[in-house]
Amino acid sequence: MSEKNTGFGVEKQKPNVIIHTDEVGKLLKSYKKVKKYMRSNLYDVRKMDGTETRVSELIDKYYDPDV
């Protein structure tokens, strides 16, 4: 009973993933800038005016309702 079933006799393996910390840092920095912009009054005014494009383009491009 000490053996665990992994399904179809396949051994568990760790995936080989390489994460570049400098790229993750750049991504986090741009994410923080967008979130700060979304909390600003300027974003609210542009959203009501209909001239806001920066965030709406990102949402249109990457939004997936199935997730």
PDB file of N, CA and C in Angstrom:
ATOM      1  N   MET A   1       0.815  -1.190   0.000  1.00  0.00           N
ATOM      2  CA  MET A   1       0.000   0.000   0.000  1.00  0.00           C
ATOM      3  C   MET A   1       0.862   1.259   0.000  1.00  0.00           C
ATOM      4  N   SER A   2       2.171   1.113   0.126  1.00  0.00           N
ATOM      5  CA  SER A   2       3.038   2.277   0.137  1.00  0.00           C
ATOM      6  C   SER A   2       3.230   2.860  -1.254  1.00  0.00           C
ATOM      7  N   GLU A   3       2.985   2.083  -2.314  1.00  0.00           N
ATOM      8  CA  GLU A   3       3.108   2.586  -3.677  1.00  0.00           C
ATOM      9  C   GLU A   3       1.867   3.391  -4.045  1.00  0.00           C
ATOM     10  N   LYS A   4       2.090   4.531  -4.657  1.00  0.00           N
ATOM     11  CA  LYS A   4       0.966   5.367  -5.073  1.00  0.00           C
ATOM     12  C   LYS A   4       0.696   5.141  -6.543  1.00  0.00           C
ATOM     13  N   ASN A   5      -0.545   5.102  -6.899  1.00  0.00           N
ATOM     14  CA  ASN A   5      -0.950   4.938  -8.281  1.00  0.00           C
ATOM     15  C   ASN A   5      -0.794   6.259  -9.015  1.00  0.00           C
ATOM     16  N   THR A   6      -0.095   6.259 -10.126  1.00  0.00           N
ATOM     17  CA  THR A   6       0.070   7.471 -10.917  1.00  0.00           C
ATOM     18  C   THR A   6      -0.750   7.411 -12.188  1.00  0.00           C
ATOM     19  N   GLY A   7      -1.392   6.310 -12.446  1.00  0.00           N
ATOM     20  CA  GLY A   7      -2.237   6.194 -13.624  1.00  0.00           C
ATOM     21  C   GLY A   7      -1.470   5.708 -14.841  1.00  0.00           C
ATOM     22  N   PHE A   8      -1.888   4.638 -15.424  1.00  0.00           N
ATOM     23  CA  PHE A   8      -1.327   4.060 -16.644  1.00  0.00           C
ATOM     24  C   PHE A   8       0.151   3.708 -16.509  1.00  0.00           C
ATOM     25  N   GLY A   9       0.623   3.493 -15.291  1.00  0.00           N
ATOM     26  CA  GLY A   9       1.995   3.063 -15.077  1.00  0.00           C
ATOM     27  C   GLY A   9       3.045   4.101 -15.408  1.00  0.00           C
ATOM     28  N   VAL A  10       2.685   5.361 -15.430  1.00  0.00           N
ATOM     29  CA  VAL A  10       3.626   6.435 -15.764  1.00  0.00           C
ATOM     30  C   VAL A  10       4.256   6.949 -14.478  1.00  0.00           C
ATOM     31  N   GLU A  11       5.562   7.102 -14.523  1.00  0.00           N
ATOM     32  CA  GLU A  11       6.279   7.636 -13.368  1.00  0.00           C
ATOM     33  C   GLU A  11       6.101   9.150 -13.305  1.00  0.00           C
ATOM     34  N   LYS A  12       6.030   9.687 -12.100  1.00  0.00           N
ATOM     35  CA  LYS A  12       5.942  11.141 -11.944  1.00  0.00           C
ATOM     36  C   LYS A  12       7.301  11.748 -12.226  1.00  0.00           C
ATOM     37  N   GLN A  13       7.312  12.790 -13.042  1.00  0.00           N
ATOM     38  CA  GLN A  13       8.541  13.484 -13.365  1.00  0.00           C
ATOM     39  C   GLN A  13       8.347  14.979 -13.156  1.00  0.00           C
ATOM     40  N   LYS A  14       9.404  15.620 -12.707  1.00  0.00           N
ATOM     41  CA  LYS A  14       9.352  17.072 -12.575  1.00  0.00           C
ATOM     42  C   LYS A  14       9.578  17.691 -13.954  1.00  0.00           C
ATOM     43  N   PRO A  15       8.759  18.671 -14.318  1.00  0.00           N
ATOM     44  CA  PRO A  15       8.977  19.316 -15.615  1.00  0.00           C
ATOM     45  C   PRO A  15      10.205  20.220 -15.565  1.00  0.00           C
ATOM     46  N   ASN A  16      10.907  20.276 -16.671  1.00  0.00           N
ATOM     47  CA  ASN A  16      12.076  21.154 -16.773  1.00  0.00           C
ATOM     48  C   ASN A  16      11.600  22.528 -17.230  1.00  0.00           C
ATOM     49  N   VAL A  17      11.571  23.466 -16.298  1.00  0.00           N
ATOM     50  CA  VAL A  17      11.095  24.816 -16.586  1.00  0.00           C
ATOM     51  C   VAL A  17      12.204  25.803 -16.259  1.00  0.00           C
ATOM     52  N   ILE A  18      12.470  26.673 -17.213  1.00  0.00           N
ATOM     53  CA  ILE A  18      13.466  27.721 -17.003  1.00  0.00           C
ATOM     54  C   ILE A  18      12.721  29.054 -16.909  1.00  0.00           C
ATOM     55  N   ILE A  19      12.895  29.732 -15.787  1.00  0.00           N
ATOM     56  CA  ILE A  19      12.239  31.014 -15.564  1.00  0.00           C
ATOM     57  C   ILE A  19      13.308  32.094 -15.509  1.00  0.00           C
ATOM     58  N   HIS A  20      13.191  33.062 -16.396  1.00  0.00           N
ATOM     59  CA  HIS A  20      14.126  34.178 -16.421  1.00  0.00           C
ATOM     60  C   HIS A  20      13.597  35.261 -15.487  1.00  0.00           C
ATOM     61  N   THR A  21      14.290  35.479 -14.391  1.00  0.00           N
ATOM     62  CA  THR A  21      13.814  36.420 -13.382  1.00  0.00           C
ATOM     63  C   THR A  21      13.791  37.853 -13.896  1.00  0.00           C
ATOM     64  N   ASP A  22      14.686  38.200 -14.803  1.00  0.00           N
ATOM     65  CA  ASP A  22      14.676  39.570 -15.328  1.00  0.00           C
ATOM     66  C   ASP A  22      13.439  39.811 -16.192  1.00  0.00           C
ATOM     67  N   GLU A  23      12.994  38.812 -16.941  1.00  0.00           N
ATOM     68  CA  GLU A  23      11.772  38.946 -17.742  1.00  0.00           C
ATOM     69  C   GLU A  23      10.536  38.998 -16.849  1.00  0.00           C
ATOM     70  N   VAL A  24      10.534  38.227 -15.778  1.00  0.00           N
ATOM     71  CA  VAL A  24       9.419  38.264 -14.831  1.00  0.00           C
ATOM     72  C   VAL A  24       9.362  39.632 -14.163  1.00  0.00           C
ATOM     73  N   GLY A  25      10.519  40.199 -13.864  1.00  0.00           N
ATOM     74  CA  GLY A  25      10.581  41.533 -13.270  1.00  0.00           C
ATOM     75  C   GLY A  25      10.005  42.594 -14.197  1.00  0.00           C
ATOM     76  N   LYS A  26      10.322  42.501 -15.485  1.00  0.00           N
ATOM     77  CA  LYS A  26       9.778  43.443 -16.466  1.00  0.00           C
ATOM     78  C   LYS A  26       8.259  43.309 -16.561  1.00  0.00           C
ATOM     79  N   LEU A  27       7.783  42.071 -16.559  1.00  0.00           N
ATOM     80  CA  LEU A  27       6.349  41.821 -16.634  1.00  0.00           C
ATOM     81  C   LEU A  27       5.626  42.377 -15.413  1.00  0.00           C
ATOM     82  N   LEU A  28       6.180  42.156 -14.229  1.00  0.00           N
ATOM     83  CA  LEU A  28       5.570  42.684 -13.005  1.00  0.00           C
ATOM     84  C   LEU A  28       5.560  44.206 -12.997  1.00  0.00           C
ATOM     85  N   LYS A  29       6.620  44.810 -13.494  1.00  0.00           N
ATOM     86  CA  LYS A  29       6.693  46.268 -13.532  1.00  0.00           C
ATOM     87  C   LYS A  29       5.611  46.847 -14.440  1.00  0.00           C
ATOM     88  N   SER A  30       5.426  46.252 -15.612  1.00  0.00           N
ATOM     89  CA  SER A  30       4.397  46.759 -16.520  1.00  0.00           C
ATOM     90  C   SER A  30       3.000  46.483 -15.958  1.00  0.00           C
ATOM     91  N   TYR A  31       2.820  45.355 -15.283  1.00  0.00           N
ATOM     92  CA  TYR A  31       1.536  45.050 -14.660  1.00  0.00           C
ATOM     93  C   TYR A  31       1.199  46.079 -13.580  1.00  0.00           C
ATOM     94  N   LYS A  32       2.185  46.418 -12.768  1.00  0.00           N
ATOM     95  CA  LYS A  32       1.955  47.398 -11.702  1.00  0.00           C
ATOM     96  C   LYS A  32       1.618  48.768 -12.273  1.00  0.00           C
ATOM     97  N   LYS A  33       2.259  49.141 -13.392  1.00  0.00           N
ATOM     98  CA  LYS A  33       1.957  50.422 -14.020  1.00  0.00           C
ATOM     99  C   LYS A  33       0.526  50.466 -14.531  1.00  0.00           C
ATOM    100  N   VAL A  34       0.078  49.371 -15.147  1.00  0.00           N
ATOM    101  CA  VAL A  34      -1.290  49.315 -15.671  1.00  0.00           C
ATOM    102  C   VAL A  34      -2.295  49.361 -14.521  1.00  0.00           C
ATOM    103  N   LYS A  35      -2.033  48.626 -13.445  1.00  0.00           N
ATOM    104  CA  LYS A  35      -2.943  48.633 -12.303  1.00  0.00           C
ATOM    105  C   LYS A  35      -2.997  50.014 -11.647  1.00  0.00           C
ATOM    106  N   LYS A  36      -1.861  50.694 -11.553  1.00  0.00           N
ATOM    107  CA  LYS A  36      -1.836  52.044 -10.982  1.00  0.00           C
ATOM    108  C   LYS A  36      -2.634  52.993 -11.859  1.00  0.00           C
ATOM    109  N   TYR A  37      -2.497  52.856 -13.175  1.00  0.00           N
ATOM    110  CA  TYR A  37      -3.260  53.683 -14.121  1.00  0.00           C
ATOM    111  C   TYR A  37      -4.754  53.407 -13.978  1.00  0.00           C
ATOM    112  N   MET A  38      -5.122  52.150 -13.773  1.00  0.00           N
ATOM    113  CA  MET A  38      -6.541  51.807 -13.647  1.00  0.00           C
ATOM    114  C   MET A  38      -7.156  52.375 -12.361  1.00  0.00           C
ATOM    115  N   ARG A  39      -6.339  52.621 -11.341  1.00  0.00           N
ATOM    116  CA  ARG A  39      -6.850  53.194 -10.095  1.00  0.00           C
ATOM    117  C   ARG A  39      -6.894  54.721 -10.130  1.00  0.00           C
ATOM    118  N   SER A  40      -6.383  55.328 -11.186  1.00  0.00           N
ATOM    119  CA  SER A  40      -6.293  56.784 -11.247  1.00  0.00           C
ATOM    120  C   SER A  40      -7.611  57.403 -11.708  1.00  0.00           C
ATOM    121  N   ASN A  41      -7.756  58.682 -11.414  1.00  0.00           N
ATOM    122  CA  ASN A  41      -8.927  59.428 -11.851  1.00  0.00           C
ATOM    123  C   ASN A  41      -8.915  59.631 -13.365  1.00  0.00           C
ATOM    124  N   LEU A  42      -7.735  59.746 -13.931  1.00  0.00           N
ATOM    125  CA  LEU A  42      -7.613  59.921 -15.376  1.00  0.00           C
ATOM    126  C   LEU A  42      -8.223  58.738 -16.128  1.00  0.00           C
ATOM    127  N   TYR A  43      -7.993  57.532 -15.625  1.00  0.00           N
ATOM    128  CA  TYR A  43      -8.571  56.341 -16.248  1.00  0.00           C
ATOM    129  C   TYR A  43     -10.097  56.395 -16.192  1.00  0.00           C
ATOM    130  N   ASP A  44     -10.635  56.790 -15.038  1.00  0.00           N
ATOM    131  CA  ASP A  44     -12.091  56.872 -14.891  1.00  0.00           C
ATOM    132  C   ASP A  44     -12.696  57.888 -15.854  1.00  0.00           C
ATOM    133  N   VAL A  45     -12.049  59.040 -15.986  1.00  0.00           N
ATOM    134  CA  VAL A  45     -12.548  60.076 -16.885  1.00  0.00           C
ATOM    135  C   VAL A  45     -12.501  59.595 -18.332  1.00  0.00           C
ATOM    136  N   ARG A  46     -11.378  59.023 -18.731  1.00  0.00           N
ATOM    137  CA  ARG A  46     -11.256  58.529 -20.103  1.00  0.00           C
ATOM    138  C   ARG A  46     -12.222  57.376 -20.385  1.00  0.00           C
ATOM    139  N   LYS A  47     -12.470  56.543 -19.378  1.00  0.00           N
ATOM    140  CA  LYS A  47     -13.410  55.434 -19.544  1.00  0.00           C
ATOM    141  C   LYS A  47     -14.828  55.960 -19.772  1.00  0.00           C
ATOM    142  N   MET A  48     -15.216  56.997 -19.016  1.00  0.00           N
ATOM    143  CA  MET A  48     -16.542  57.590 -19.195  1.00  0.00           C
ATOM    144  C   MET A  48     -16.636  58.334 -20.519  1.00  0.00           C
ATOM    145  N   ASP A  49     -15.543  58.967 -20.919  1.00  0.00           N
ATOM    146  CA  ASP A  49     -15.508  59.737 -22.150  1.00  0.00           C
ATOM    147  C   ASP A  49     -15.471  58.838 -23.390  1.00  0.00           C
ATOM    148  N   GLY A  50     -14.949  57.620 -23.217  1.00  0.00           N
ATOM    149  CA  GLY A  50     -14.858  56.692 -24.335  1.00  0.00           C
ATOM    150  C   GLY A  50     -13.554  56.780 -25.093  1.00  0.00           C
ATOM    151  N   THR A  51     -12.579  57.507 -24.558  1.00  0.00           N
ATOM    152  CA  THR A  51     -11.304  57.659 -25.252  1.00  0.00           C
ATOM    153  C   THR A  51     -10.220  56.763 -24.675  1.00  0.00           C
ATOM    154  N   GLU A  52     -10.515  55.965 -23.689  1.00  0.00           N
ATOM    155  CA  GLU A  52      -9.526  55.092 -23.071  1.00  0.00           C
ATOM    156  C   GLU A  52      -9.251  53.909 -23.998  1.00  0.00           C
ATOM    157  N   THR A  53      -7.976  53.689 -24.337  1.00  0.00           N
ATOM    158  CA  THR A  53      -7.633  52.601 -25.247  1.00  0.00           C
ATOM    159  C   THR A  53      -6.592  51.646 -24.692  1.00  0.00           C
ATOM    160  N   ARG A  54      -5.744  52.101 -23.777  1.00  0.00           N
ATOM    161  CA  ARG A  54      -4.626  51.283 -23.307  1.00  0.00           C
ATOM    162  C   ARG A  54      -5.106  49.988 -22.644  1.00  0.00           C
ATOM    163  N   VAL A  55      -5.979  50.092 -21.670  1.00  0.00           N
ATOM    164  CA  VAL A  55      -6.442  48.916 -20.939  1.00  0.00           C
ATOM    165  C   VAL A  55      -7.474  48.140 -21.749  1.00  0.00           C
ATOM    166  N   SER A  56      -8.343  48.840 -22.450  1.00  0.00           N
ATOM    167  CA  SER A  56      -9.387  48.149 -23.202  1.00  0.00           C
ATOM    168  C   SER A  56      -8.790  47.288 -24.314  1.00  0.00           C
ATOM    169  N   GLU A  57      -7.686  47.730 -24.936  1.00  0.00           N
ATOM    170  CA  GLU A  57      -7.027  46.905 -25.953  1.00  0.00           C
ATOM    171  C   GLU A  57      -6.437  45.644 -25.336  1.00  0.00           C
ATOM    172  N   LEU A  58      -5.841  45.768 -24.154  1.00  0.00           N
ATOM    173  CA  LEU A  58      -5.287  44.592 -23.484  1.00  0.00           C
ATOM    174  C   LEU A  58      -6.383  43.611 -23.104  1.00  0.00           C
ATOM    175  N   ILE A  59      -7.502  44.128 -22.618  1.00  0.00           N
ATOM    176  CA  ILE A  59      -8.609  43.254 -22.238  1.00  0.00           C
ATOM    177  C   ILE A  59      -9.178  42.546 -23.458  1.00  0.00           C
ATOM    178  N   ASP A  60      -9.358  43.280 -24.552  1.00  0.00           N
ATOM    179  CA  ASP A  60      -9.870  42.668 -25.770  1.00  0.00           C
ATOM    180  C   ASP A  60      -8.936  41.607 -26.316  1.00  0.00           C
ATOM    181  N   LYS A  61      -7.632  41.845 -26.189  1.00  0.00           N
ATOM    182  CA  LYS A  61      -6.653  40.931 -26.755  1.00  0.00           C
ATOM    183  C   LYS A  61      -6.509  39.651 -25.924  1.00  0.00           C
ATOM    184  N   TYR A  62      -6.495  39.774 -24.589  1.00  0.00           N
ATOM    185  CA  TYR A  62      -6.135  38.647 -23.740  1.00  0.00           C
ATOM    186  C   TYR A  62      -7.280  38.063 -22.910  1.00  0.00           C
ATOM    187  N   TYR A  63      -8.447  38.659 -22.913  1.00  0.00           N
ATOM    188  CA  TYR A  63      -9.551  38.162 -22.081  1.00  0.00           C
ATOM    189  C   TYR A  63     -10.072  36.850 -22.646  1.00  0.00           C
ATOM    190  N   ASP A  64     -10.177  35.858 -21.782  1.00  0.00           N
ATOM    191  CA  ASP A  64     -10.708  34.558 -22.172  1.00  0.00           C
ATOM    192  C   ASP A  64     -11.842  34.202 -21.199  1.00  0.00           C
ATOM    193  N   PRO A  65     -13.080  34.239 -21.643  1.00  0.00           N
ATOM    194  CA  PRO A  65     -14.193  33.985 -20.717  1.00  0.00           C
ATOM    195  C   PRO A  65     -14.282  32.533 -20.259  1.00  0.00           C
ATOM    196  N   ASP A  66     -13.585  31.626 -20.920  1.00  0.00           N
ATOM    197  CA  ASP A  66     -13.638  30.207 -20.534  1.00  0.00           C
ATOM    198  C   ASP A  66     -12.774  29.883 -19.339  1.00  0.00           C
ATOM    199  N   VAL A  67     -11.851  30.774 -18.980  1.00  0.00           N
ATOM    200  CA  VAL A  67     -10.934  30.494 -17.875  1.00  0.00           C
ATOM    201  C   VAL A  67     -11.521  30.937 -16.587  1.00  0.00           C
TER     202      VAL A  67
END
